[in-house]
Amino acid sequence: DLFYNTPARMKFLKKDVSEANAVADVVDKLALSHPEISFLFVRDGKQALITPGDGKLLSVIYSTFGRVFAESMLETQYELDGIGVSGFVCRPSSARSTRAMQYFFLNGRFIRSRSCAASMENAYKNSIMVGKFPSCVLNITVEPRTVDVNVHPAKTEVRFSDERRVSSAVYYAVKNALVEYDTRVQIDLAKIAQKTKSETPQLYMVEEDNAAKPDVSKETKAQPKPKKDFWQSMPSKSFRQTVLSSPKNERVTPVTEQNEPDLINAYKSKKAESLRVV
């Protein structure tokens, strides 16, 4: 019966789901800004949120956004010229595609500040992928007289008397957390370059050392002379005397009447018969 006395406003209400989501968003911001208070949110007869109220911000983050989101957060605490920044920021590997998970609180009150968001994202430069945005739950404490909260009727936009100091405090708070919890493997290029330079002259001396080079002249002298070809080693005269005149070589031995009498007689008789027929 929230609008029983103002029925005109009730006509402009959205769907039940949209209005319930808006209420849940308000409860989440109240719980994050006051971790010392235990909040219980019941939605459609079911328990949607309960915070322990132990005063620990990480416990509220765990209850509100879940275990995975809480495990990806890094704690930070920094102070610069009376401006304190404390809370949690996400690891570079857990960056998101939107800025929806960026929560800034000023003296325990939720605000939207473009300068604080820009300073935080600048601290993540060269640490996250392009198009990704970090998540955070940061509480900024300043002197109340140094801030104007009446810029917007919803009190969510504020204006600082020294915007630069506040932005610097946010930047260094986030940067210190990233440097302290950075687990990436670092390579010292100076040591690698120095090691390469020290090894290069040694290799050069080994290559230029004349004693280490093999003696090409000795190897050339020790090599056996190539064997001469058979036709080069034996002249034609000796070949005729040894091979052609040898009786053992039947192929080159000429056929005569002494060594083949039967063959010669058969040839002569066959030739005589052919002449008679003609």
C-alpha atoms as a PDB file:
ATOM      1  CA  ASP A   1       0.000   0.000   0.000  1.00  0.00           C
ATOM      2  CA  LEU A   2       2.836   2.363  -0.709  1.00  0.00           C
ATOM      3  CA  PHE A   3       0.780   4.462  -3.129  1.00  0.00           C
ATOM      4  CA  TYR A   4      -2.655   4.216  -1.520  1.00  0.00           C
ATOM      5  CA  ASN A   5      -2.805   7.988  -1.047  1.00  0.00           C
ATOM      6  CA  THR A   6      -1.243   8.843  -4.447  1.00  0.00           C
ATOM      7  CA  PRO A   7      -2.989   6.709  -7.093  1.00  0.00           C
ATOM      8  CA  ALA A   8      -1.654   8.920  -9.907  1.00  0.00           C
ATOM      9  CA  ARG A   9       1.904   7.762  -9.262  1.00  0.00           C
ATOM     10  CA  MET A  10       0.819   4.170  -9.209  1.00  0.00           C
ATOM     11  CA  LYS A  11      -0.191   4.417 -12.871  1.00  0.00           C
ATOM     12  CA  PHE A  12       3.395   5.222 -13.838  1.00  0.00           C
ATOM     13  CA  LEU A  13       4.870   2.165 -12.179  1.00  0.00           C
ATOM     14  CA  LYS A  14       6.607  -0.331 -14.429  1.00  0.00           C
ATOM     15  CA  LYS A  15       6.266  -4.103 -14.377  1.00  0.00           C
ATOM     16  CA  ASP A  16       6.691  -5.935 -11.111  1.00  0.00           C
ATOM     17  CA  VAL A  17       9.988  -7.438 -12.259  1.00  0.00           C
ATOM     18  CA  SER A  18      11.446  -4.034 -13.179  1.00  0.00           C
ATOM     19  CA  GLU A  19      10.368  -2.453  -9.900  1.00  0.00           C
ATOM     20  CA  ALA A  20      11.739  -5.421  -7.928  1.00  0.00           C
ATOM     21  CA  ASN A  21      15.082  -5.108  -9.682  1.00  0.00           C
ATOM     22  CA  ALA A  22      15.230  -1.415  -8.816  1.00  0.00           C
ATOM     23  CA  VAL A  23      14.548  -2.184  -5.154  1.00  0.00           C
ATOM     24  CA  ALA A  24      17.214  -4.918  -5.165  1.00  0.00           C
ATOM     25  CA  ASP A  25      19.740  -2.462  -6.600  1.00  0.00           C
ATOM     26  CA  VAL A  26      19.032   0.007  -3.803  1.00  0.00           C
ATOM     27  CA  VAL A  27      19.398  -2.692  -1.150  1.00  0.00           C
ATOM     28  CA  ASP A  28      22.729  -3.849  -2.655  1.00  0.00           C
ATOM     29  CA  LYS A  29      24.137  -0.313  -2.503  1.00  0.00           C
ATOM     30  CA  LEU A  30      22.979   0.155   1.094  1.00  0.00           C
ATOM     31  CA  ALA A  31      24.539  -3.151   2.123  1.00  0.00           C
ATOM     32  CA  LEU A  32      27.871  -2.322   0.432  1.00  0.00           C
ATOM     33  CA  SER A  33      28.022   1.125   2.031  1.00  0.00           C
ATOM     34  CA  HIS A  34      27.286  -0.234   5.542  1.00  0.00           C
ATOM     35  CA  PRO A  35      28.989  -3.597   6.073  1.00  0.00           C
ATOM     36  CA  GLU A  36      28.454  -3.257   9.828  1.00  0.00           C
ATOM     37  CA  ILE A  37      24.671  -3.628   9.364  1.00  0.00           C
ATOM     38  CA  SER A  38      23.005  -6.944   8.513  1.00  0.00           C
ATOM     39  CA  PHE A  39      20.500  -6.635   5.674  1.00  0.00           C
ATOM     40  CA  LEU A  40      17.759  -9.123   4.802  1.00  0.00           C
ATOM     41  CA  PHE A  41      15.952  -8.779   1.467  1.00  0.00           C
ATOM     42  CA  VAL A  42      12.935 -10.952   0.702  1.00  0.00           C
ATOM     43  CA  ARG A  43      11.629 -10.994  -2.864  1.00  0.00           C
ATOM     44  CA  ASP A  44       8.401 -12.757  -3.854  1.00  0.00           C
ATOM     45  CA  GLY A  45       8.423 -14.696  -0.599  1.00  0.00           C
ATOM     46  CA  LYS A  46      12.016 -15.900  -1.086  1.00  0.00           C
ATOM     47  CA  GLN A  47      15.200 -14.727   0.570  1.00  0.00           C
ATOM     48  CA  ALA A  48      17.189 -12.867  -2.077  1.00  0.00           C
ATOM     49  CA  LEU A  49      19.950 -11.331   0.078  1.00  0.00           C
ATOM     50  CA  ILE A  50      21.297 -11.556   3.598  1.00  0.00           C
ATOM     51  CA  THR A  51      24.528  -9.974   4.817  1.00  0.00           C
ATOM     52  CA  PRO A  52      26.385 -11.064   7.968  1.00  0.00           C
ATOM     53  CA  GLY A  53      26.862  -7.538   9.375  1.00  0.00           C
ATOM     54  CA  ASP A  54      30.374  -8.363  10.664  1.00  0.00           C
ATOM     55  CA  GLY A  55      31.834  -5.073   9.426  1.00  0.00           C
ATOM     56  CA  LYS A  56      33.894  -6.730   6.649  1.00  0.00           C
ATOM     57  CA  LEU A  57      33.316  -5.375   3.162  1.00  0.00           C
ATOM     58  CA  LEU A  58      34.503  -8.590   1.501  1.00  0.00           C
ATOM     59  CA  SER A  59      31.776 -10.546   3.315  1.00  0.00           C
ATOM     60  CA  VAL A  60      29.131  -8.228   1.891  1.00  0.00           C
ATOM     61  CA  ILE A  61      30.645  -8.561  -1.610  1.00  0.00           C
ATOM     62  CA  TYR A  62      30.540 -12.339  -1.231  1.00  0.00           C
ATOM     63  CA  SER A  63      26.883 -12.288  -0.132  1.00  0.00           C
ATOM     64  CA  THR A  64      25.818  -9.812  -2.801  1.00  0.00           C
ATOM     65  CA  PHE A  65      27.723 -10.839  -5.941  1.00  0.00           C
ATOM     66  CA  GLY A  66      28.806 -14.403  -5.235  1.00  0.00           C
ATOM     67  CA  ARG A  67      31.971 -16.372  -4.572  1.00  0.00           C
ATOM     68  CA  VAL A  68      33.569 -16.004  -8.038  1.00  0.00           C
ATOM     69  CA  PHE A  69      33.340 -12.218  -7.977  1.00  0.00           C
ATOM     70  CA  ALA A  70      34.642 -12.015  -4.406  1.00  0.00           C
ATOM     71  CA  GLU A  71      37.664 -14.212  -5.162  1.00  0.00           C
ATOM     72  CA  SER A  72      38.701 -11.932  -8.035  1.00  0.00           C
ATOM     73  CA  MET A  73      38.923  -8.821  -5.855  1.00  0.00           C
ATOM     74  CA  LEU A  74      42.097  -7.178  -4.522  1.00  0.00           C
ATOM     75  CA  GLU A  75      42.100  -5.131  -1.333  1.00  0.00           C
ATOM     76  CA  THR A  76      43.447  -1.580  -1.359  1.00  0.00           C
ATOM     77  CA  GLN A  77      43.864   1.217   1.154  1.00  0.00           C
ATOM     78  CA  TYR A  78      45.516   4.559   0.469  1.00  0.00           C
ATOM     79  CA  GLU A  79      45.532   8.092   1.839  1.00  0.00           C
ATOM     80  CA  LEU A  80      46.652  11.310   0.159  1.00  0.00           C
ATOM     81  CA  ASP A  81      46.411  14.769   1.780  1.00  0.00           C
ATOM     82  CA  GLY A  82      43.518  13.811   4.029  1.00  0.00           C
ATOM     83  CA  ILE A  83      41.654  11.898   1.282  1.00  0.00           C
ATOM     84  CA  GLY A  84      41.245   8.206   2.074  1.00  0.00           C
ATOM     85  CA  VAL A  85      40.448   5.477  -0.433  1.00  0.00           C
ATOM     86  CA  SER A  86      39.689   1.932   0.728  1.00  0.00           C
ATOM     87  CA  GLY A  87      37.897  -1.053  -0.691  1.00  0.00           C
ATOM     88  CA  PHE A  88      38.413  -3.686  -3.351  1.00  0.00           C
ATOM     89  CA  VAL A  89      39.280  -3.691  -7.058  1.00  0.00           C
ATOM     90  CA  CYS A  90      39.197  -6.621  -9.473  1.00  0.00           C
ATOM     91  CA  ARG A  91      42.130  -8.427 -10.992  1.00  0.00           C
ATOM     92  CA  PRO A  92      43.002  -7.473 -14.600  1.00  0.00           C
ATOM     93  CA  SER A  93      41.960 -10.937 -15.791  1.00  0.00           C
ATOM     94  CA  SER A  94      38.458 -10.449 -14.321  1.00  0.00           C
ATOM     95  CA  ALA A  95      37.594  -7.270 -16.234  1.00  0.00           C
ATOM     96  CA  ARG A  96      34.077  -7.002 -17.654  1.00  0.00           C
ATOM     97  CA  SER A  97      32.555  -5.706 -20.851  1.00  0.00           C
ATOM     98  CA  THR A  98      30.532  -2.936 -19.080  1.00  0.00           C
ATOM     99  CA  ARG A  99      30.938  -0.478 -16.207  1.00  0.00           C
ATOM    100  CA  ALA A 100      27.917  -1.872 -14.367  1.00  0.00           C
ATOM    101  CA  MET A 101      30.021  -3.319 -11.518  1.00  0.00           C
ATOM    102  CA  GLN A 102      31.746  -0.065 -10.540  1.00  0.00           C
ATOM    103  CA  TYR A 103      30.566   1.150  -7.110  1.00  0.00           C
ATOM    104  CA  PHE A 104      31.923   4.384  -5.619  1.00  0.00           C
ATOM    105  CA  PHE A 105      30.863   5.575  -2.171  1.00  0.00           C
ATOM    106  CA  LEU A 106      31.584   8.995  -0.718  1.00  0.00           C
ATOM    107  CA  ASN A 107      31.534   9.068   3.074  1.00  0.00           C
ATOM    108  CA  GLY A 108      29.220   6.028   3.071  1.00  0.00           C
ATOM    109  CA  ARG A 109      26.919   7.296   0.303  1.00  0.00           C
ATOM    110  CA  PHE A 110      26.691   5.925  -3.231  1.00  0.00           C
ATOM    111  CA  ILE A 111      27.797   8.385  -5.947  1.00  0.00           C
ATOM    112  CA  ARG A 112      28.547   8.473  -9.646  1.00  0.00           C
ATOM    113  CA  SER A 113      31.799  10.215 -10.531  1.00  0.00           C
ATOM    114  CA  ARG A 114      33.281  10.288 -13.999  1.00  0.00           C
ATOM    115  CA  SER A 115      36.606  11.565 -12.741  1.00  0.00           C
ATOM    116  CA  CYS A 116      36.990   8.715 -10.237  1.00  0.00           C
ATOM    117  CA  ALA A 117      36.009   6.146 -12.863  1.00  0.00           C
ATOM    118  CA  ALA A 118      38.483   7.614 -15.370  1.00  0.00           C
ATOM    119  CA  SER A 119      41.293   7.594 -12.778  1.00  0.00           C
ATOM    120  CA  MET A 120      40.626   3.967 -11.898  1.00  0.00           C
ATOM    121  CA  GLU A 121      40.564   2.886 -15.561  1.00  0.00           C
ATOM    122  CA  ASN A 122      43.765   4.836 -16.173  1.00  0.00           C
ATOM    123  CA  ALA A 123      45.458   2.771 -13.437  1.00  0.00           C
ATOM    124  CA  TYR A 124      44.505  -0.384 -15.365  1.00  0.00           C
ATOM    125  CA  LYS A 125      46.069   0.917 -18.566  1.00  0.00           C
ATOM    126  CA  ASN A 126      48.258  -1.702 -20.330  1.00  0.00           C
ATOM    127  CA  SER A 127      46.927  -4.327 -17.888  1.00  0.00           C
ATOM    128  CA  ILE A 128      43.526  -5.230 -19.373  1.00  0.00           C
ATOM    129  CA  MET A 129      42.272  -5.771 -22.897  1.00  0.00           C
ATOM    130  CA  VAL A 130      40.853  -2.941 -24.948  1.00  0.00           C
ATOM    131  CA  GLY A 131      37.085  -2.732 -24.555  1.00  0.00           C
ATOM    132  CA  LYS A 132      37.127  -4.255 -21.049  1.00  0.00           C
ATOM    133  CA  PHE A 133      36.349  -2.325 -17.853  1.00  0.00           C
ATOM    134  CA  PRO A 134      37.432  -3.034 -14.262  1.00  0.00           C
ATOM    135  CA  SER A 135      35.067  -3.619 -11.353  1.00  0.00           C
ATOM    136  CA  CYS A 136      35.413  -2.023  -7.940  1.00  0.00           C
ATOM    137  CA  VAL A 137      33.835  -1.262  -4.593  1.00  0.00           C
ATOM    138  CA  LEU A 138      35.648   1.835  -3.304  1.00  0.00           C
ATOM    139  CA  ASN A 139      34.790   4.073  -0.389  1.00  0.00           C
ATOM    140  CA  ILE A 140      36.210   7.602  -0.554  1.00  0.00           C
ATOM    141  CA  THR A 141      36.387   9.670   2.644  1.00  0.00           C
ATOM    142  CA  VAL A 142      36.867  13.430   2.457  1.00  0.00           C
ATOM    143  CA  GLU A 143      35.997  16.445   4.555  1.00  0.00           C
ATOM    144  CA  PRO A 144      32.268  17.227   4.110  1.00  0.00           C
ATOM    145  CA  ARG A 145      33.024  20.894   3.501  1.00  0.00           C
ATOM    146  CA  THR A 146      35.202  20.043   0.477  1.00  0.00           C
ATOM    147  CA  VAL A 147      32.356  18.459  -1.508  1.00  0.00           C
ATOM    148  CA  ASP A 148      29.041  19.708  -2.891  1.00  0.00           C
ATOM    149  CA  VAL A 149      26.288  17.058  -2.863  1.00  0.00           C
ATOM    150  CA  ASN A 150      23.493  19.301  -4.166  1.00  0.00           C
ATOM    151  CA  VAL A 151      24.476  19.087  -7.843  1.00  0.00           C
ATOM    152  CA  HIS A 152      21.733  16.571  -8.673  1.00  0.00           C
ATOM    153  CA  PRO A 153      18.318  16.021  -7.030  1.00  0.00           C
ATOM    154  CA  ALA A 154      19.091  12.318  -6.564  1.00  0.00           C
ATOM    155  CA  LYS A 155      22.297  13.253  -4.681  1.00  0.00           C
ATOM    156  CA  THR A 156      24.264  10.767  -6.800  1.00  0.00           C
ATOM    157  CA  GLU A 157      26.427  13.341  -8.594  1.00  0.00           C
ATOM    158  CA  VAL A 158      28.834  15.408  -6.518  1.00  0.00           C
ATOM    159  CA  ARG A 159      31.411  18.083  -7.121  1.00  0.00           C
ATOM    160  CA  PHE A 160      34.730  18.252  -5.271  1.00  0.00           C
ATOM    161  CA  SER A 161      36.551  21.441  -4.414  1.00  0.00           C
ATOM    162  CA  ASP A 162      39.825  19.797  -5.519  1.00  0.00           C
ATOM    163  CA  GLU A 163      38.941  17.251  -8.203  1.00  0.00           C
ATOM    164  CA  ARG A 164      42.557  16.591  -9.054  1.00  0.00           C
ATOM    165  CA  ARG A 165      43.570  15.444  -5.579  1.00  0.00           C
ATOM    166  CA  VAL A 166      40.638  13.044  -5.340  1.00  0.00           C
ATOM    167  CA  SER A 167      41.421  11.593  -8.767  1.00  0.00           C
ATOM    168  CA  SER A 168      45.079  11.150  -7.807  1.00  0.00           C
ATOM    169  CA  ALA A 169      44.119   9.361  -4.592  1.00  0.00           C
ATOM    170  CA  VAL A 170      41.901   6.931  -6.494  1.00  0.00           C
ATOM    171  CA  TYR A 171      44.581   6.344  -9.130  1.00  0.00           C
ATOM    172  CA  TYR A 172      47.367   5.531  -6.658  1.00  0.00           C
ATOM    173  CA  ALA A 173      45.093   3.377  -4.509  1.00  0.00           C
ATOM    174  CA  VAL A 174      44.203   1.182  -7.488  1.00  0.00           C
ATOM    175  CA  LYS A 175      47.749   1.184  -8.880  1.00  0.00           C
ATOM    176  CA  ASN A 176      49.300   0.076  -5.582  1.00  0.00           C
ATOM    177  CA  ALA A 177      46.860  -2.823  -5.350  1.00  0.00           C
ATOM    178  CA  LEU A 178      47.694  -3.995  -8.860  1.00  0.00           C
ATOM    179  CA  VAL A 179      51.442  -3.771  -8.287  1.00  0.00           C
ATOM    180  CA  GLU A 180      51.284  -5.558  -4.926  1.00  0.00           C
ATOM    181  CA  TYR A 181      49.192  -8.488  -6.156  1.00  0.00           C
ATOM    182  CA  ASP A 182      50.699  -8.726  -9.635  1.00  0.00           C
ATOM    183  CA  THR A 183      51.594 -12.371 -10.343  1.00  0.00           C
ATOM    184  CA  ARG A 184      52.639 -12.004 -13.961  1.00  0.00           C
ATOM    185  CA  VAL A 185      56.055 -13.334 -14.984  1.00  0.00           C
ATOM    186  CA  GLN A 186      58.513 -10.505 -15.524  1.00  0.00           C
ATOM    187  CA  ILE A 187      61.452 -10.706 -17.910  1.00  0.00           C
ATOM    188  CA  ASP A 188      64.561  -8.609 -17.326  1.00  0.00           C
ATOM    189  CA  LEU A 189      65.656  -7.630 -20.825  1.00  0.00           C
ATOM    190  CA  ALA A 190      68.819  -5.920 -19.519  1.00  0.00           C
ATOM    191  CA  LYS A 191      70.168  -9.175 -18.059  1.00  0.00           C
ATOM    192  CA  ILE A 192      69.346 -11.088 -21.225  1.00  0.00           C
ATOM    193  CA  ALA A 193      71.120  -8.484 -23.370  1.00  0.00           C
ATOM    194  CA  GLN A 194      74.162  -8.515 -21.086  1.00  0.00           C
ATOM    195  CA  LYS A 195      74.329 -12.298 -21.152  1.00  0.00           C
ATOM    196  CA  THR A 196      74.115 -12.321 -24.938  1.00  0.00           C
ATOM    197  CA  LYS A 197      76.932  -9.786 -25.235  1.00  0.00           C
ATOM    198  CA  SER A 198      79.210 -11.810 -22.936  1.00  0.00           C
ATOM    199  CA  GLU A 199      78.690 -14.992 -24.937  1.00  0.00           C
ATOM    200  CA  THR A 200      79.148 -13.435 -28.377  1.00  0.00           C
ATOM    201  CA  PRO A 201      82.935 -12.635 -28.127  1.00  0.00           C
ATOM    202  CA  GLN A 202      83.661 -16.137 -26.853  1.00  0.00           C
ATOM    203  CA  LEU A 203      81.995 -17.693 -29.868  1.00  0.00           C
ATOM    204  CA  TYR A 204      83.818 -15.255 -32.126  1.00  0.00           C
ATOM    205  CA  MET A 205      87.228 -16.186 -30.675  1.00  0.00           C
ATOM    206  CA  VAL A 206      86.549 -19.884 -31.106  1.00  0.00           C
ATOM    207  CA  GLU A 207      85.631 -19.352 -34.726  1.00  0.00           C
ATOM    208  CA  GLU A 208      88.718 -17.189 -35.387  1.00  0.00           C
ATOM    209  CA  ASP A 209      91.160 -19.463 -33.558  1.00  0.00           C
ATOM    210  CA  ASN A 210      93.597 -20.839 -36.129  1.00  0.00           C
ATOM    211  CA  ALA A 211      94.635 -23.723 -33.882  1.00  0.00           C
ATOM    212  CA  ALA A 212      91.122 -25.052 -33.803  1.00  0.00           C
ATOM    213  CA  LYS A 213      90.797 -25.070 -37.589  1.00  0.00           C
ATOM    214  CA  PRO A 214      91.700 -28.348 -39.342  1.00  0.00           C
ATOM    215  CA  ASP A 215      94.867 -28.421 -41.483  1.00  0.00           C
ATOM    216  CA  VAL A 216      93.550 -28.723 -45.008  1.00  0.00           C
ATOM    217  CA  SER A 217      96.996 -29.163 -46.572  1.00  0.00           C
ATOM    218  CA  LYS A 218      97.821 -32.257 -44.469  1.00  0.00           C
ATOM    219  CA  GLU A 219      94.514 -33.889 -45.237  1.00  0.00           C
ATOM    220  CA  THR A 220      95.075 -33.295 -48.922  1.00  0.00           C
ATOM    221  CA  LYS A 221      98.504 -34.950 -48.795  1.00  0.00           C
ATOM    222  CA  ALA A 222      97.254 -37.927 -46.835  1.00  0.00           C
ATOM    223  CA  GLN A 223      94.515 -38.709 -49.310  1.00  0.00           C
ATOM    224  CA  PRO A 224      95.328 -41.756 -51.565  1.00  0.00           C
ATOM    225  CA  LYS A 225      95.808 -41.206 -55.265  1.00  0.00           C
ATOM    226  CA  PRO A 226      92.958 -42.323 -57.502  1.00  0.00           C
ATOM    227  CA  LYS A 227      93.443 -45.649 -59.246  1.00  0.00           C
ATOM    228  CA  LYS A 228      94.040 -45.624 -62.985  1.00  0.00           C
ATOM    229  CA  ASP A 229      91.518 -47.093 -65.300  1.00  0.00           C
ATOM    230  CA  PHE A 230      92.137 -50.533 -66.797  1.00  0.00           C
ATOM    231  CA  TRP A 231      92.316 -49.148 -70.315  1.00  0.00           C
ATOM    232  CA  GLN A 232      94.799 -46.484 -69.211  1.00  0.00           C
ATOM    233  CA  SER A 233      97.092 -48.902 -67.385  1.00  0.00           C
ATOM    234  CA  MET A 234      97.384 -51.425 -70.270  1.00  0.00           C
ATOM    235  CA  PRO A 235      98.486 -50.264 -73.739  1.00  0.00           C
ATOM    236  CA  SER A 236      96.958 -51.705 -76.878  1.00  0.00           C
ATOM    237  CA  LYS A 237     100.017 -53.770 -77.835  1.00  0.00           C
ATOM    238  CA  SER A 238     100.169 -55.636 -74.563  1.00  0.00           C
ATOM    239  CA  PHE A 239      96.370 -56.179 -74.738  1.00  0.00           C
ATOM    240  CA  ARG A 240      96.743 -57.956 -78.081  1.00  0.00           C
ATOM    241  CA  GLN A 241      99.584 -60.077 -76.862  1.00  0.00           C
ATOM    242  CA  THR A 242      97.991 -61.157 -73.593  1.00  0.00           C
ATOM    243  CA  VAL A 243      94.269 -61.301 -74.325  1.00  0.00           C
ATOM    244  CA  LEU A 244      93.763 -61.914 -78.046  1.00  0.00           C
ATOM    245  CA  SER A 245      96.561 -64.453 -78.357  1.00  0.00           C
ATOM    246  CA  SER A 246      95.566 -66.341 -75.224  1.00  0.00           C
ATOM    247  CA  PRO A 247      94.194 -69.871 -76.046  1.00  0.00           C
ATOM    248  CA  LYS A 248      91.945 -69.765 -73.002  1.00  0.00           C
ATOM    249  CA  ASN A 249      89.852 -66.926 -74.415  1.00  0.00           C
ATOM    250  CA  GLU A 250      87.588 -68.880 -76.730  1.00  0.00           C
ATOM    251  CA  ARG A 251      85.577 -65.887 -77.855  1.00  0.00           C
ATOM    252  CA  VAL A 252      88.433 -64.032 -79.420  1.00  0.00           C
ATOM    253  CA  THR A 253      90.318 -67.169 -80.718  1.00  0.00           C
ATOM    254  CA  PRO A 254      89.954 -67.356 -84.556  1.00  0.00           C
ATOM    255  CA  VAL A 255      88.332 -70.474 -86.023  1.00  0.00           C
ATOM    256  CA  THR A 256      90.793 -72.576 -88.048  1.00  0.00           C
ATOM    257  CA  GLU A 257      90.923 -76.081 -89.557  1.00  0.00           C
ATOM    258  CA  GLN A 258      93.244 -77.274 -86.791  1.00  0.00           C
ATOM    259  CA  ASN A 259      90.983 -76.429 -83.843  1.00  0.00           C
ATOM    260  CA  GLU A 260      87.566 -77.070 -85.546  1.00  0.00           C
ATOM    261  CA  PRO A 261      88.027 -79.604 -88.399  1.00  0.00           C
ATOM    262  CA  ASP A 262      84.477 -80.990 -88.321  1.00  0.00           C
ATOM    263  CA  LEU A 263      82.878 -77.598 -88.481  1.00  0.00           C
ATOM    264  CA  ILE A 264      84.982 -76.546 -91.480  1.00  0.00           C
ATOM    265  CA  ASN A 265      84.265 -79.751 -93.451  1.00  0.00           C
ATOM    266  CA  ALA A 266      80.512 -79.468 -92.837  1.00  0.00           C
ATOM    267  CA  TYR A 267      80.532 -75.911 -94.078  1.00  0.00           C
ATOM    268  CA  LYS A 268      82.420 -76.806 -97.255  1.00  0.00           C
ATOM    269  CA  SER A 269      80.114 -79.758 -98.107  1.00  0.00           C
ATOM    270  CA  LYS A 270      76.998 -77.603 -97.631  1.00  0.00           C
ATOM    271  CA  LYS A 271      78.389 -74.946 -99.902  1.00  0.00           C
ATOM    272  CA  ALA A 272      79.186 -77.517-102.640  1.00  0.00           C
ATOM    273  CA  GLU A 273      75.644 -78.886-102.554  1.00  0.00           C
ATOM    274  CA  SER A 274      74.188 -75.427-102.994  1.00  0.00           C
ATOM    275  CA  LEU A 275      76.363 -74.834-106.034  1.00  0.00           C
ATOM    276  CA  ARG A 276      75.260 -78.110-107.692  1.00  0.00           C
ATOM    277  CA  VAL A 277      71.597 -77.265-107.334  1.00  0.00           C
ATOM    278  CA  VAL A 278      72.072 -73.940-108.983  1.00  0.00           C
END
